[in-house]
Amino acid sequence: MLLLYCARLVRSPMIEPGRGWAYVALFSQIGISLLVTTLLGVLVGRWVDGQLGTLPIFLIVGFFLGAGAGTVGIIRLVSRFLETME
């Protein structure tokens, strides 16, 4: 069995014919959601900095909040995806 696995003759249950497009959709959703949430956080932070006349403090805070929100969204997205694959 070890030789078959090393020779890549045994298929993983996650990699089956017909599921390739599901992975493409998942990875594109991951990229778009992380981009949108991070960009939204940066834009809101920049707007707040412009209104208050501060240094880019809120821009940095917005970046981290947007990236954190995107990460939470990605975790939820991947969890739902893995549940449907079972």
Protein backbone atom coordinates (compact mmCIF):
# COMPACT_ATOMS: atom_id res chain seq x y z
CA MET A 1 0.00 0.00 0.00
CA LEU A 2 2.84 2.38 0.77
CA LEU A 3 4.30 1.87 -2.68
CA LEU A 4 0.96 2.62 -4.31
CA TYR A 5 0.60 5.80 -2.29
CA CYS A 6 4.10 6.94 -3.09
CA ALA A 7 3.58 6.26 -6.77
CA ARG A 8 0.43 8.41 -6.61
CA LEU A 9 -1.74 5.56 -7.78
CA VAL A 10 -4.14 5.87 -4.85
CA ARG A 11 -6.55 8.78 -5.15
CA SER A 12 -7.37 10.97 -2.22
CA PRO A 13 -11.12 11.29 -1.60
CA MET A 14 -10.76 15.08 -1.89
CA ILE A 15 -9.34 14.88 -5.41
CA GLU A 16 -11.94 13.23 -7.60
CA PRO A 17 -12.86 13.90 -11.21
CA GLY A 18 -15.48 16.62 -11.53
CA ARG A 19 -14.53 18.50 -8.38
CA GLY A 20 -11.88 20.71 -9.96
CA TRP A 21 -14.30 23.54 -10.68
CA ALA A 22 -15.48 23.48 -7.07
CA TYR A 23 -11.92 24.18 -5.97
CA VAL A 24 -11.56 26.95 -8.55
CA ALA A 25 -14.75 28.55 -7.23
CA LEU A 26 -13.57 28.20 -3.62
CA PHE A 27 -10.18 29.79 -4.25
CA SER A 28 -11.66 32.64 -6.25
CA GLN A 29 -14.16 33.34 -3.45
CA ILE A 30 -11.32 33.31 -0.93
CA GLY A 31 -9.33 35.84 -2.92
CA ILE A 32 -12.25 38.13 -3.64
CA SER A 33 -13.55 38.13 -0.06
CA LEU A 34 -10.12 38.89 1.40
CA LEU A 35 -9.54 41.64 -1.16
CA VAL A 36 -12.93 43.28 -0.65
CA THR A 37 -12.90 43.24 3.15
CA THR A 38 -9.32 44.52 3.38
CA LEU A 39 -9.92 47.22 0.79
CA LEU A 40 -13.12 48.30 2.50
CA GLY A 41 -11.33 48.55 5.86
CA VAL A 42 -8.54 50.64 4.32
CA LEU A 43 -10.97 52.98 2.56
CA VAL A 44 -13.06 53.52 5.69
CA GLY A 45 -9.89 54.10 7.73
CA ARG A 46 -8.61 56.61 5.17
CA TRP A 47 -11.94 58.42 5.18
CA VAL A 48 -11.94 58.63 9.00
CA ASP A 49 -8.36 59.94 8.91
CA GLY A 50 -9.41 62.58 6.40
CA GLN A 51 -12.35 63.66 8.55
CA LEU A 52 -10.32 63.89 11.74
CA GLY A 53 -7.11 65.17 10.16
CA THR A 54 -5.03 62.51 11.84
CA LEU A 55 -2.03 60.55 10.69
CA PRO A 56 -2.81 57.23 9.00
CA ILE A 57 -3.74 55.66 12.32
CA PHE A 58 -7.25 54.71 11.30
CA LEU A 59 -6.03 53.50 7.92
CA ILE A 60 -3.80 50.98 9.68
CA VAL A 61 -6.58 50.01 12.09
CA GLY A 62 -8.97 49.64 9.15
CA PHE A 63 -6.48 47.43 7.35
CA PHE A 64 -6.18 45.06 10.29
CA LEU A 65 -9.92 45.02 10.95
CA GLY A 66 -10.65 44.34 7.27
CA ALA A 67 -8.03 41.60 7.06
CA GLY A 68 -9.37 40.05 10.28
CA ALA A 69 -12.93 40.14 8.98
CA GLY A 70 -11.76 38.57 5.73
CA THR A 71 -9.96 35.83 7.62
CA VAL A 72 -13.06 35.01 9.65
CA GLY A 73 -15.10 34.94 6.45
CA ILE A 74 -12.59 32.62 4.80
CA ILE A 75 -12.67 30.24 7.77
CA ARG A 76 -16.46 30.07 7.57
CA LEU A 77 -16.37 29.63 3.80
CA VAL A 78 -13.86 26.78 3.92
CA SER A 79 -15.75 25.09 6.77
CA ARG A 80 -18.98 25.12 4.74
CA PHE A 81 -17.10 23.87 1.69
CA LEU A 82 -15.57 20.96 3.59
CA GLU A 83 -18.97 20.01 5.03
CA THR A 84 -20.41 19.71 1.53
CA MET A 85 -17.49 17.57 0.37
CA GLU A 86 -18.20 14.82 2.92
